């Protein structure tokens, strides 16, 4: 069974860098065709795709966040990490790591439970 689990601080101060890690079990993050994704949901807003890292290590980012976002992976630990720099209270959100599967009708087939991040001094 594929499982994804987010970890990281729940509280970050403004201007600091947010760092979240998603540990994956049940499948290798280098397995063909999958894209390992970060999605967030801010209070009162819809889901926002932040970016992903593919099975081949290639990254793609939401243009609106690209200047502040970095996603990288550690294949030895089978996990991938989101870094979001210069955070503001507007980055307060529920952050999910998700597997994107191009063979799945709704694209995203496995989700982490989500982790709440609050940006506040």
PDB file of N, CA and C in Angstrom:
ATOM      1  N   UNK A   1       0.851  -1.189   0.000  1.00  0.00           N
ATOM      2  CA  UNK A   1       0.000   0.000   0.000  1.00  0.00           C
ATOM      3  C   UNK A   1       0.892   1.247   0.000  1.00  0.00           C
ATOM      4  N   UNK A   2       0.591   2.160  -0.883  1.00  0.00           N
ATOM      5  CA  UNK A   2       1.337   3.411  -0.958  1.00  0.00           C
ATOM      6  C   UNK A   2       0.873   4.342   0.157  1.00  0.00           C
ATOM      7  N   UNK A   3       1.830   4.899   0.856  1.00  0.00           N
ATOM      8  CA  UNK A   3       1.505   5.876   1.893  1.00  0.00           C
ATOM      9  C   UNK A   3       2.464   7.060   1.783  1.00  0.00           C
ATOM     10  N   UNK A   4       1.926   8.239   2.053  1.00  0.00           N
ATOM     11  CA  UNK A   4       2.711   9.467   2.083  1.00  0.00           C
ATOM     12  C   UNK A   4       2.483  10.135   3.436  1.00  0.00           C
ATOM     13  N   UNK A   5       3.553  10.634   4.033  1.00  0.00           N
ATOM     14  CA  UNK A   5       3.455  11.261   5.344  1.00  0.00           C
ATOM     15  C   UNK A   5       4.273  12.537   5.374  1.00  0.00           C
ATOM     16  N   UNK A   6       3.589  13.656   5.617  1.00  0.00           N
ATOM     17  CA  UNK A   6       4.267  14.940   5.723  1.00  0.00           C
ATOM     18  C   UNK A   6       4.857  15.129   7.119  1.00  0.00           C
ATOM     19  N   UNK A   7       5.950  15.845   7.190  1.00  0.00           N
ATOM     20  CA  UNK A   7       6.527  16.212   8.482  1.00  0.00           C
ATOM     21  C   UNK A   7       7.200  17.562   8.353  1.00  0.00           C
ATOM     22  N   UNK A   8       7.207  18.282   9.478  1.00  0.00           N
ATOM     23  CA  UNK A   8       7.824  19.591   9.488  1.00  0.00           C
ATOM     24  C   UNK A   8       7.200  20.450  10.555  1.00  0.00           C
ATOM     25  N   UNK A   9       7.727  21.658  10.731  1.00  0.00           N
ATOM     26  CA  UNK A   9       7.217  22.533  11.785  1.00  0.00           C
ATOM     27  C   UNK A   9       5.819  23.033  11.476  1.00  0.00           C
ATOM     28  N   UNK A  10       5.025  23.187  12.499  1.00  0.00           N
ATOM     29  CA  UNK A  10       3.679  23.702  12.321  1.00  0.00           C
ATOM     30  C   UNK A  10       3.608  25.215  12.389  1.00  0.00           C
ATOM     31  N   UNK A  11       4.674  25.835  12.859  1.00  0.00           N
ATOM     32  CA  UNK A  11       4.699  27.281  13.019  1.00  0.00           C
ATOM     33  C   UNK A  11       6.011  27.823  12.460  1.00  0.00           C
ATOM     34  N   UNK A  12       5.887  28.798  11.597  1.00  0.00           N
ATOM     35  CA  UNK A  12       7.054  29.429  10.979  1.00  0.00           C
ATOM     36  C   UNK A  12       6.897  30.939  11.100  1.00  0.00           C
ATOM     37  N   UNK A  13       7.994  31.611  11.352  1.00  0.00           N
ATOM     38  CA  UNK A  13       7.931  33.073  11.476  1.00  0.00           C
ATOM     39  C   UNK A  13       7.991  33.722  10.093  1.00  0.00           C
ATOM     40  N   UNK A  14       7.359  34.875   9.942  1.00  0.00           N
ATOM     41  CA  UNK A  14       7.453  35.604   8.666  1.00  0.00           C
ATOM     42  C   UNK A  14       8.904  35.850   8.278  1.00  0.00           C
ATOM     43  N   UNK A  15       9.150  35.761   6.994  1.00  0.00           N
ATOM     44  CA  UNK A  15      10.453  35.944   6.332  1.00  0.00           C
ATOM     45  C   UNK A  15      11.344  34.710   6.407  1.00  0.00           C
ATOM     46  N   UNK A  16      10.977  33.735   7.211  1.00  0.00           N
ATOM     47  CA  UNK A  16      11.781  32.523   7.305  1.00  0.00           C
ATOM     48  C   UNK A  16      11.457  31.563   6.156  1.00  0.00           C
ATOM     49  N   UNK A  17      12.184  30.459   6.122  1.00  0.00           N
ATOM     50  CA  UNK A  17      11.956  29.437   5.104  1.00  0.00           C
ATOM     51  C   UNK A  17      11.214  28.254   5.712  1.00  0.00           C
ATOM     52  N   UNK A  18      10.129  27.912   5.054  1.00  0.00           N
ATOM     53  CA  UNK A  18       9.348  26.742   5.431  1.00  0.00           C
ATOM     54  C   UNK A  18       9.949  25.514   4.781  1.00  0.00           C
ATOM     55  N   UNK A  19      10.105  24.441   5.563  1.00  0.00           N
ATOM     56  CA  UNK A  19      10.641  23.203   5.008  1.00  0.00           C
ATOM     57  C   UNK A  19       9.765  22.034   5.473  1.00  0.00           C
ATOM     58  N   UNK A  20       9.216  21.319   4.521  1.00  0.00           N
ATOM     59  CA  UNK A  20       8.387  20.146   4.800  1.00  0.00           C
ATOM     60  C   UNK A  20       8.936  18.953   4.032  1.00  0.00           C
ATOM     61  N   UNK A  21       8.904  17.800   4.678  1.00  0.00           N
ATOM     62  CA  UNK A  21       9.364  16.567   4.038  1.00  0.00           C
ATOM     63  C   UNK A  21       8.213  15.584   3.925  1.00  0.00           C
ATOM     64  N   UNK A  22       8.174  14.894   2.813  1.00  0.00           N
ATOM     65  CA  UNK A  22       7.178  13.849   2.587  1.00  0.00           C
ATOM     66  C   UNK A  22       7.898  12.514   2.466  1.00  0.00           C
ATOM     67  N   UNK A  23       7.623  11.637   3.397  1.00  0.00           N
ATOM     68  CA  UNK A  23       8.211  10.306   3.369  1.00  0.00           C
ATOM     69  C   UNK A  23       7.227   9.347   2.706  1.00  0.00           C
ATOM     70  N   UNK A  24       7.730   8.637   1.720  1.00  0.00           N
ATOM     71  CA  UNK A  24       6.879   7.755   0.924  1.00  0.00           C
ATOM     72  C   UNK A  24       7.206   6.300   1.244  1.00  0.00           C
ATOM     73  N   UNK A  25       6.177   5.489   1.383  1.00  0.00           N
ATOM     74  CA  UNK A  25       6.369   4.059   1.571  1.00  0.00           C
ATOM     75  C   UNK A  25       5.479   3.302   0.600  1.00  0.00           C
ATOM     76  N   UNK A  26       5.899   2.103   0.280  1.00  0.00           N
ATOM     77  CA  UNK A  26       5.114   1.260  -0.607  1.00  0.00           C
ATOM     78  C   UNK A  26       5.462   1.379  -2.073  1.00  0.00           C
ATOM     79  N   UNK A  27       6.257   2.392  -2.416  1.00  0.00           N
ATOM     80  CA  UNK A  27       6.701   2.576  -3.802  1.00  0.00           C
ATOM     81  C   UNK A  27       7.940   3.457  -3.784  1.00  0.00           C
ATOM     82  N   UNK A  28       8.810   3.240  -4.728  1.00  0.00           N
ATOM     83  CA  UNK A  28       9.987   4.079  -4.830  1.00  0.00           C
ATOM     84  C   UNK A  28       9.630   5.377  -5.547  1.00  0.00           C
ATOM     85  N   UNK A  29      10.197   6.485  -5.074  1.00  0.00           N
ATOM     86  CA  UNK A  29       9.937   7.767  -5.726  1.00  0.00           C
ATOM     87  C   UNK A  29      10.638   7.873  -7.078  1.00  0.00           C
ATOM     88  N   UNK A  30      11.444   6.868  -7.402  1.00  0.00           N
ATOM     89  CA  UNK A  30      12.070   6.832  -8.726  1.00  0.00           C
ATOM     90  C   UNK A  30      11.317   5.919  -9.694  1.00  0.00           C
ATOM     91  N   UNK A  31      10.205   5.356  -9.228  1.00  0.00           N
ATOM     92  CA  UNK A  31       9.416   4.487 -10.117  1.00  0.00           C
ATOM     93  C   UNK A  31       8.877   5.281 -11.289  1.00  0.00           C
ATOM     94  N   UNK A  32       8.926   4.655 -12.443  1.00  0.00           N
ATOM     95  CA  UNK A  32       8.524   5.343 -13.670  1.00  0.00           C
ATOM     96  C   UNK A  32       7.131   5.948 -13.603  1.00  0.00           C
ATOM     97  N   UNK A  33       7.040   7.151 -14.169  1.00  0.00           N
ATOM     98  CA  UNK A  33       5.803   7.849 -14.501  1.00  0.00           C
ATOM     99  C   UNK A  33       5.205   8.678 -13.385  1.00  0.00           C
ATOM    100  N   UNK A  34       5.637   8.486 -12.132  1.00  0.00           N
ATOM    101  CA  UNK A  34       4.985   9.230 -11.059  1.00  0.00           C
ATOM    102  C   UNK A  34       5.641  10.584 -10.832  1.00  0.00           C
ATOM    103  N   UNK A  35       4.815  11.525 -10.385  1.00  0.00           N
ATOM    104  CA  UNK A  35       5.273  12.865 -10.045  1.00  0.00           C
ATOM    105  C   UNK A  35       4.896  13.136  -8.604  1.00  0.00           C
ATOM    106  N   UNK A  36       5.840  13.582  -7.836  1.00  0.00           N
ATOM    107  CA  UNK A  36       5.653  13.764  -6.397  1.00  0.00           C
ATOM    108  C   UNK A  36       5.448  15.248  -6.132  1.00  0.00           C
ATOM    109  N   UNK A  37       4.300  15.542  -5.615  1.00  0.00           N
ATOM    110  CA  UNK A  37       3.704  16.868  -5.698  1.00  0.00           C
ATOM    111  C   UNK A  37       3.438  17.472  -4.329  1.00  0.00           C
ATOM    112  N   UNK A  38       3.516  18.797  -4.279  1.00  0.00           N
ATOM    113  CA  UNK A  38       3.055  19.543  -3.107  1.00  0.00           C
ATOM    114  C   UNK A  38       1.857  20.393  -3.511  1.00  0.00           C
ATOM    115  N   UNK A  39       0.813  20.278  -2.706  1.00  0.00           N
ATOM    116  CA  UNK A  39      -0.429  21.028  -2.901  1.00  0.00           C
ATOM    117  C   UNK A  39      -0.805  21.633  -1.563  1.00  0.00           C
ATOM    118  N   UNK A  40      -1.315  22.837  -1.584  1.00  0.00           N
ATOM    119  CA  UNK A  40      -1.740  23.447  -0.325  1.00  0.00           C
ATOM    120  C   UNK A  40      -3.137  24.011  -0.443  1.00  0.00           C
ATOM    121  N   UNK A  41      -3.738  24.184   0.701  1.00  0.00           N
ATOM    122  CA  UNK A  41      -5.060  24.807   0.760  1.00  0.00           C
ATOM    123  C   UNK A  41      -5.064  25.833   1.864  1.00  0.00           C
ATOM    124  N   UNK A  42      -5.217  27.087   1.469  1.00  0.00           N
ATOM    125  CA  UNK A  42      -5.282  28.174   2.432  1.00  0.00           C
ATOM    126  C   UNK A  42      -6.705  28.324   2.934  1.00  0.00           C
ATOM    127  N   UNK A  43      -6.862  28.948   4.123  1.00  0.00           N
ATOM    128  CA  UNK A  43      -8.205  29.127   4.662  1.00  0.00           C
ATOM    129  C   UNK A  43      -9.128  29.837   3.678  1.00  0.00           C
ATOM    130  N   UNK A  44     -10.251  29.235   3.389  1.00  0.00           N
ATOM    131  CA  UNK A  44     -11.236  29.854   2.516  1.00  0.00           C
ATOM    132  C   UNK A  44     -10.896  29.812   1.043  1.00  0.00           C
ATOM    133  N   UNK A  45      -9.825  29.107   0.679  1.00  0.00           N
ATOM    134  CA  UNK A  45      -9.424  29.048  -0.724  1.00  0.00           C
ATOM    135  C   UNK A  45      -9.399  27.599  -1.210  1.00  0.00           C
ATOM    136  N   UNK A  46      -9.273  27.469  -2.502  1.00  0.00           N
ATOM    137  CA  UNK A  46      -9.196  26.139  -3.086  1.00  0.00           C
ATOM    138  C   UNK A  46      -7.805  25.550  -3.010  1.00  0.00           C
ATOM    139  N   UNK A  47      -7.659  24.401  -3.603  1.00  0.00           N
ATOM    140  CA  UNK A  47      -6.360  23.746  -3.638  1.00  0.00           C
ATOM    141  C   UNK A  47      -5.433  24.462  -4.612  1.00  0.00           C
ATOM    142  N   UNK A  48      -4.190  24.594  -4.205  1.00  0.00           N
ATOM    143  CA  UNK A  48      -3.189  25.251  -5.039  1.00  0.00           C
ATOM    144  C   UNK A  48      -2.014  24.315  -5.265  1.00  0.00           C
ATOM    145  N   UNK A  49      -1.759  24.017  -6.515  1.00  0.00           N
ATOM    146  CA  UNK A  49      -0.601  23.215  -6.882  1.00  0.00           C
ATOM    147  C   UNK A  49       0.659  24.056  -6.736  1.00  0.00           C
ATOM    148  N   UNK A  50       1.630  23.563  -5.968  1.00  0.00           N
ATOM    149  CA  UNK A  50       2.851  24.320  -5.731  1.00  0.00           C
ATOM    150  C   UNK A  50       3.985  23.877  -6.653  1.00  0.00           C
ATOM    151  N   UNK A  51       4.065  22.590  -6.906  1.00  0.00           N
ATOM    152  CA  UNK A  51       5.125  22.076  -7.757  1.00  0.00           C
ATOM    153  C   UNK A  51       5.307  20.592  -7.548  1.00  0.00           C
ATOM    154  N   UNK A  52       6.183  20.031  -8.361  1.00  0.00           N
ATOM    155  CA  UNK A  52       6.443  18.606  -8.219  1.00  0.00           C
ATOM    156  C   UNK A  52       7.854  18.243  -8.645  1.00  0.00           C
ATOM    157  N   UNK A  53       8.227  17.035  -8.280  1.00  0.00           N
ATOM    158  CA  UNK A  53       9.488  16.457  -8.739  1.00  0.00           C
ATOM    159  C   UNK A  53       9.149  15.089  -9.327  1.00  0.00           C
ATOM    160  N   UNK A  54       9.590  14.880 -10.529  1.00  0.00           N
ATOM    161  CA  UNK A  54       9.235  13.659 -11.221  1.00  0.00           C
ATOM    162  C   UNK A  54      10.118  12.484 -10.851  1.00  0.00           C
ATOM    163  N   UNK A  55       9.725  11.320 -11.349  1.00  0.00           N
ATOM    164  CA  UNK A  55      10.498  10.099 -11.112  1.00  0.00           C
ATOM    165  C   UNK A  55      11.941  10.248 -11.609  1.00  0.00           C
ATOM    166  N   UNK A  56      12.115  11.130 -12.573  1.00  0.00           N
ATOM    167  CA  UNK A  56      13.433  11.355 -13.170  1.00  0.00           C
ATOM    168  C   UNK A  56      14.188  12.506 -12.514  1.00  0.00           C
ATOM    169  N   UNK A  57      13.614  13.068 -11.457  1.00  0.00           N
ATOM    170  CA  UNK A  57      14.282  14.146 -10.745  1.00  0.00           C
ATOM    171  C   UNK A  57      14.025  15.533 -11.300  1.00  0.00           C
ATOM    172  N   UNK A  58      13.267  15.621 -12.363  1.00  0.00           N
ATOM    173  CA  UNK A  58      12.975  16.922 -12.960  1.00  0.00           C
ATOM    174  C   UNK A  58      11.865  17.609 -12.167  1.00  0.00           C
ATOM    175  N   UNK A  59      12.052  18.884 -11.906  1.00  0.00           N
ATOM    176  CA  UNK A  59      11.089  19.655 -11.119  1.00  0.00           C
ATOM    177  C   UNK A  59      10.276  20.600 -11.999  1.00  0.00           C
ATOM    178  N   UNK A  60       9.112  20.936 -11.475  1.00  0.00           N
ATOM    179  CA  UNK A  60       8.240  21.900 -12.134  1.00  0.00           C
ATOM    180  C   UNK A  60       7.543  22.685 -11.045  1.00  0.00           C
ATOM    181  N   UNK A  61       7.388  23.986 -11.255  1.00  0.00           N
ATOM    182  CA  UNK A  61       6.845  24.829 -10.193  1.00  0.00           C
ATOM    183  C   UNK A  61       5.704  25.701 -10.707  1.00  0.00           C
ATOM    184  N   UNK A  62       4.817  26.028  -9.770  1.00  0.00           N
ATOM    185  CA  UNK A  62       3.778  27.006 -10.048  1.00  0.00           C
ATOM    186  C   UNK A  62       4.467  28.351 -10.324  1.00  0.00           C
ATOM    187  N   UNK A  63       4.188  28.963 -11.461  1.00  0.00           N
ATOM    188  CA  UNK A  63       4.878  30.217 -11.790  1.00  0.00           C
ATOM    189  C   UNK A  63       4.715  31.292 -10.716  1.00  0.00           C
ATOM    190  N   UNK A  64       3.581  31.292 -10.047  1.00  0.00           N
ATOM    191  CA  UNK A  64       3.356  32.329  -9.041  1.00  0.00           C
ATOM    192  C   UNK A  64       4.201  32.114  -7.788  1.00  0.00           C
ATOM    193  N   UNK A  65       4.748  30.929  -7.617  1.00  0.00           N
ATOM    194  CA  UNK A  65       5.551  30.613  -6.431  1.00  0.00           C
ATOM    195  C   UNK A  65       6.995  30.268  -6.773  1.00  0.00           C
ATOM    196  N   UNK A  66       7.293  30.220  -8.043  1.00  0.00           N
ATOM    197  CA  UNK A  66       8.564  29.655  -8.503  1.00  0.00           C
ATOM    198  C   UNK A  66       9.781  30.316  -7.875  1.00  0.00           C
ATOM    199  N   UNK A  67       9.703  31.626  -7.701  1.00  0.00           N
ATOM    200  CA  UNK A  67      10.880  32.343  -7.186  1.00  0.00           C
ATOM    201  C   UNK A  67      11.163  31.991  -5.730  1.00  0.00           C
ATOM    202  N   UNK A  68      10.183  31.412  -5.027  1.00  0.00           N
ATOM    203  CA  UNK A  68      10.359  31.119  -3.597  1.00  0.00           C
ATOM    204  C   UNK A  68      10.383  29.625  -3.289  1.00  0.00           C
ATOM    205  N   UNK A  69      10.200  28.800  -4.314  1.00  0.00           N
ATOM    206  CA  UNK A  69       9.977  27.362  -4.077  1.00  0.00           C
ATOM    207  C   UNK A  69      11.121  26.505  -4.591  1.00  0.00           C
ATOM    208  N   UNK A  70      11.435  25.499  -3.805  1.00  0.00           N
ATOM    209  CA  UNK A  70      12.397  24.488  -4.233  1.00  0.00           C
ATOM    210  C   UNK A  70      11.902  23.117  -3.755  1.00  0.00           C
ATOM    211  N   UNK A  71      11.935  22.163  -4.652  1.00  0.00           N
ATOM    212  CA  UNK A  71      11.587  20.792  -4.285  1.00  0.00           C
ATOM    213  C   UNK A  71      12.765  19.902  -4.654  1.00  0.00           C
ATOM    214  N   UNK A  72      13.196  19.090  -3.718  1.00  0.00           N
ATOM    215  CA  UNK A  72      14.286  18.171  -3.985  1.00  0.00           C
ATOM    216  C   UNK A  72      13.999  16.847  -3.303  1.00  0.00           C
ATOM    217  N   UNK A  73      14.828  15.845  -3.606  1.00  0.00           N
ATOM    218  CA  UNK A  73      14.537  14.507  -3.079  1.00  0.00           C
ATOM    219  C   UNK A  73      15.794  13.848  -2.534  1.00  0.00           C
ATOM    220  N   UNK A  74      15.577  12.858  -1.694  1.00  0.00           N
ATOM    221  CA  UNK A  74      16.651  11.996  -1.209  1.00  0.00           C
ATOM    222  C   UNK A  74      16.203  10.574  -1.520  1.00  0.00           C
ATOM    223  N   UNK A  75      16.744  10.018  -2.561  1.00  0.00           N
ATOM    224  CA  UNK A  75      16.275   8.697  -2.989  1.00  0.00           C
ATOM    225  C   UNK A  75      16.679   7.601  -2.013  1.00  0.00           C
ATOM    226  N   UNK A  76      17.746   7.839  -1.247  1.00  0.00           N
ATOM    227  CA  UNK A  76      18.173   6.826  -0.275  1.00  0.00           C
ATOM    228  C   UNK A  76      17.171   6.709   0.876  1.00  0.00           C
ATOM    229  N   UNK A  77      16.464   7.817   1.128  1.00  0.00           N
ATOM    230  CA  UNK A  77      15.466   7.819   2.195  1.00  0.00           C
ATOM    231  C   UNK A  77      14.047   7.750   1.653  1.00  0.00           C
ATOM    232  N   UNK A  78      13.941   7.749   0.331  1.00  0.00           N
ATOM    233  CA  UNK A  78      12.642   7.714  -0.327  1.00  0.00           C
ATOM    234  C   UNK A  78      11.731   8.829   0.158  1.00  0.00           C
ATOM    235  N   UNK A  79      12.279  10.036   0.195  1.00  0.00           N
ATOM    236  CA  UNK A  79      11.456  11.165   0.564  1.00  0.00           C
ATOM    237  C   UNK A  79      11.787  12.381  -0.299  1.00  0.00           C
ATOM    238  N   UNK A  80      10.877  13.328  -0.310  1.00  0.00           N
ATOM    239  CA  UNK A  80      11.092  14.569  -1.041  1.00  0.00           C
ATOM    240  C   UNK A  80      10.681  15.736  -0.155  1.00  0.00           C
ATOM    241  N   UNK A  81      11.300  16.876  -0.414  1.00  0.00           N
ATOM    242  CA  UNK A  81      11.200  18.009   0.486  1.00  0.00           C
ATOM    243  C   UNK A  81      10.776  19.261  -0.264  1.00  0.00           C
ATOM    244  N   UNK A  82       9.918  20.033   0.380  1.00  0.00           N
ATOM    245  CA  UNK A  82       9.500  21.341  -0.104  1.00  0.00           C
ATOM    246  C   UNK A  82      10.180  22.413   0.732  1.00  0.00           C
ATOM    247  N   UNK A  83      10.750  23.386   0.064  1.00  0.00           N
ATOM    248  CA  UNK A  83      11.218  24.579   0.749  1.00  0.00           C
ATOM    249  C   UNK A  83      10.539  25.790   0.131  1.00  0.00           C
ATOM    250  N   UNK A  84       9.980  26.616   0.987  1.00  0.00           N
ATOM    251  CA  UNK A  84       9.313  27.844   0.559  1.00  0.00           C
ATOM    252  C   UNK A  84       9.942  28.990   1.347  1.00  0.00           C
ATOM    253  N   UNK A  85      10.571  29.893   0.651  1.00  0.00           N
ATOM    254  CA  UNK A  85      11.324  30.951   1.325  1.00  0.00           C
ATOM    255  C   UNK A  85      10.476  32.209   1.492  1.00  0.00           C
ATOM    256  N   UNK A  86      10.962  33.073   2.353  1.00  0.00           N
ATOM    257  CA  UNK A  86      10.342  34.393   2.565  1.00  0.00           C
ATOM    258  C   UNK A  86       8.841  34.290   2.806  1.00  0.00           C
ATOM    259  N   UNK A  87       8.476  33.437   3.725  1.00  0.00           N
ATOM    260  CA  UNK A  87       7.043  33.209   3.951  1.00  0.00           C
ATOM    261  C   UNK A  87       6.378  34.418   4.591  1.00  0.00           C
ATOM    262  N   UNK A  88       5.089  34.544   4.308  1.00  0.00           N
ATOM    263  CA  UNK A  88       4.246  35.574   4.909  1.00  0.00           C
ATOM    264  C   UNK A  88       3.011  34.888   5.483  1.00  0.00           C
ATOM    265  N   UNK A  89       2.192  35.618   6.224  1.00  0.00           N
ATOM    266  CA  UNK A  89       0.961  34.997   6.743  1.00  0.00           C
ATOM    267  C   UNK A  89       0.076  34.411   5.646  1.00  0.00           C
ATOM    268  N   UNK A  90       0.220  34.904   4.425  1.00  0.00           N
ATOM    269  CA  UNK A  90      -0.569  34.353   3.319  1.00  0.00           C
ATOM    270  C   UNK A  90      -0.148  32.929   2.961  1.00  0.00           C
ATOM    271  N   UNK A  91       0.973  32.490   3.461  1.00  0.00           N
ATOM    272  CA  UNK A  91       1.411  31.111   3.217  1.00  0.00           C
ATOM    273  C   UNK A  91       0.859  30.150   4.266  1.00  0.00           C
ATOM    274  N   UNK A  92       0.098  30.662   5.204  1.00  0.00           N
ATOM    275  CA  UNK A  92      -0.581  29.791   6.156  1.00  0.00           C
ATOM    276  C   UNK A  92      -1.558  28.901   5.411  1.00  0.00           C
ATOM    277  N   UNK A  93      -1.415  27.590   5.608  1.00  0.00           N
ATOM    278  CA  UNK A  93      -2.235  26.669   4.822  1.00  0.00           C
ATOM    279  C   UNK A  93      -2.070  25.256   5.352  1.00  0.00           C
ATOM    280  N   UNK A  94      -2.918  24.389   4.841  1.00  0.00           N
ATOM    281  CA  UNK A  94      -2.771  22.955   5.028  1.00  0.00           C
ATOM    282  C   UNK A  94      -1.977  22.442   3.837  1.00  0.00           C
ATOM    283  N   UNK A  95      -0.838  21.841   4.097  1.00  0.00           N
ATOM    284  CA  UNK A  95       0.062  21.402   3.032  1.00  0.00           C
ATOM    285  C   UNK A  95      -0.036  19.880   2.886  1.00  0.00           C
ATOM    286  N   UNK A  96      -0.214  19.468   1.623  1.00  0.00           N
ATOM    287  CA  UNK A  96      -0.317  18.043   1.306  1.00  0.00           C
ATOM    288  C   UNK A  96       0.801  17.618   0.376  1.00  0.00           C
ATOM    289  N   UNK A  97       1.330  16.420   0.601  1.00  0.00           N
ATOM    290  CA  UNK A  97       2.134  15.799  -0.436  1.00  0.00           C
ATOM    291  C   UNK A  97       1.269  14.728  -1.104  1.00  0.00           C
ATOM    292  N   UNK A  98       1.443  14.622  -2.406  1.00  0.00           N
ATOM    293  CA  UNK A  98       0.515  13.854  -3.232  1.00  0.00           C
ATOM    294  C   UNK A  98       1.277  13.143  -4.343  1.00  0.00           C
ATOM    295  N   UNK A  99       0.809  11.982  -4.721  1.00  0.00           N
ATOM    296  CA  UNK A  99       1.375  11.322  -5.890  1.00  0.00           C
ATOM    297  C   UNK A  99       0.497  11.611  -7.105  1.00  0.00           C
ATOM    298  N   UNK A 100       1.120  12.109  -8.142  1.00  0.00           N
ATOM    299  CA  UNK A 100       0.426  12.289  -9.413  1.00  0.00           C
ATOM    300  C   UNK A 100       0.728  11.094 -10.309  1.00  0.00           C
ATOM    301  N   UNK A 101      -0.326  10.512 -10.816  1.00  0.00           N
ATOM    302  CA  UNK A 101      -0.223   9.295 -11.618  1.00  0.00           C
ATOM    303  C   UNK A 101      -0.908   9.548 -12.960  1.00  0.00           C
ATOM    304  N   UNK A 102      -0.146   9.689 -14.020  1.00  0.00           N
ATOM    305  CA  UNK A 102      -0.765  10.009 -15.312  1.00  0.00           C
ATOM    306  C   UNK A 102      -1.717   8.938 -15.820  1.00  0.00           C
ATOM    307  N   UNK A 103      -1.677   7.767 -15.226  1.00  0.00           N
ATOM    308  CA  UNK A 103      -2.573   6.686 -15.622  1.00  0.00           C
ATOM    309  C   UNK A 103      -3.845   6.668 -14.785  1.00  0.00           C
ATOM    310  N   UNK A 104      -3.980   7.593 -13.865  1.00  0.00           N
ATOM    311  CA  UNK A 104      -5.138   7.632 -12.973  1.00  0.00           C
ATOM    312  C   UNK A 104      -6.121   8.660 -13.495  1.00  0.00           C
ATOM    313  N   UNK A 105      -7.404   8.343 -13.519  1.00  0.00           N
ATOM    314  CA  UNK A 105      -8.373   9.262 -14.131  1.00  0.00           C
ATOM    315  C   UNK A 105      -8.385  10.669 -13.539  1.00  0.00           C
ATOM    316  N   UNK A 106      -8.186  10.761 -12.230  1.00  0.00           N
ATOM    317  CA  UNK A 106      -8.211  12.074 -11.585  1.00  0.00           C
ATOM    318  C   UNK A 106      -6.812  12.597 -11.303  1.00  0.00           C
ATOM    319  N   UNK A 107      -5.826  11.973 -11.867  1.00  0.00           N
ATOM    320  CA  UNK A 107      -4.403  12.380 -11.821  1.00  0.00           C
ATOM    321  C   UNK A 107      -3.764  12.099 -10.474  1.00  0.00           C
ATOM    322  N   UNK A 108      -4.371  12.550  -9.372  1.00  0.00           N
ATOM    323  CA  UNK A 108      -3.778  12.357  -8.044  1.00  0.00           C
ATOM    324  C   UNK A 108      -4.411  11.132  -7.391  1.00  0.00           C
ATOM    325  N   UNK A 109      -3.582  10.137  -7.080  1.00  0.00           N
ATOM    326  CA  UNK A 109      -4.174   8.906  -6.553  1.00  0.00           C
ATOM    327  C   UNK A 109      -3.855   8.623  -5.089  1.00  0.00           C
ATOM    328  N   UNK A 110      -2.784   9.171  -4.559  1.00  0.00           N
ATOM    329  CA  UNK A 110      -2.485   8.982  -3.144  1.00  0.00           C
ATOM    330  C   UNK A 110      -2.099  10.319  -2.529  1.00  0.00           C
ATOM    331  N   UNK A 111      -2.701  10.586  -1.374  1.00  0.00           N
ATOM    332  CA  UNK A 111      -2.472  11.829  -0.640  1.00  0.00           C
ATOM    333  C   UNK A 111      -1.946  11.545   0.752  1.00  0.00           C
ATOM    334  N   UNK A 112      -1.079  12.440   1.236  1.00  0.00           N
ATOM    335  CA  UNK A 112      -0.769  12.433   2.638  1.00  0.00           C
ATOM    336  C   UNK A 112      -1.939  12.992   3.421  1.00  0.00           C
ATOM    337  N   UNK A 113      -1.868  12.899   4.730  1.00  0.00           N
ATOM    338  CA  UNK A 113      -2.978  13.385   5.550  1.00  0.00           C
ATOM    339  C   UNK A 113      -3.012  14.903   5.631  1.00  0.00           C
ATOM    340  N   UNK A 114      -1.922  15.545   5.260  1.00  0.00           N
ATOM    341  CA  UNK A 114      -1.841  16.995   5.325  1.00  0.00           C
ATOM    342  C   UNK A 114      -1.232  17.451   6.638  1.00  0.00           C
ATOM    343  N   UNK A 115      -0.526  18.555   6.562  1.00  0.00           N
ATOM    344  CA  UNK A 115       0.056  19.140   7.765  1.00  0.00           C
ATOM    345  C   UNK A 115      -0.219  20.641   7.772  1.00  0.00           C
ATOM    346  N   UNK A 116      -0.699  21.131   8.883  1.00  0.00           N
ATOM    347  CA  UNK A 116      -1.033  22.548   9.002  1.00  0.00           C
ATOM    348  C   UNK A 116       0.234  23.355   9.283  1.00  0.00           C
ATOM    349  N   UNK A 117       0.420  24.390   8.510  1.00  0.00           N
ATOM    350  CA  UNK A 117       1.520  25.319   8.737  1.00  0.00           C
ATOM    351  C   UNK A 117       0.931  26.715   8.943  1.00  0.00           C
ATOM    352  N   UNK A 118       1.319  27.340  10.020  1.00  0.00           N
ATOM    353  CA  UNK A 118       0.893  28.700  10.323  1.00  0.00           C
ATOM    354  C   UNK A 118       2.105  29.605  10.293  1.00  0.00           C
ATOM    355  N   UNK A 119       1.966  30.720   9.583  1.00  0.00           N
ATOM    356  CA  UNK A 119       3.039  31.707   9.548  1.00  0.00           C
ATOM    357  C   UNK A 119       2.630  32.869  10.442  1.00  0.00           C
ATOM    358  N   UNK A 120       3.380  33.017  11.504  1.00  0.00           N
ATOM    359  CA  UNK A 120       3.034  34.049  12.480  1.00  0.00           C
ATOM    360  C   UNK A 120       4.252  34.353  13.333  1.00  0.00           C
ATOM    361  N   UNK A 121       4.344  35.619  13.743  1.00  0.00           N
ATOM    362  CA  UNK A 121       5.425  35.980  14.642  1.00  0.00           C
ATOM    363  C   UNK A 121       5.048  35.720  16.091  1.00  0.00           C
TER     364      UNK A 121
END
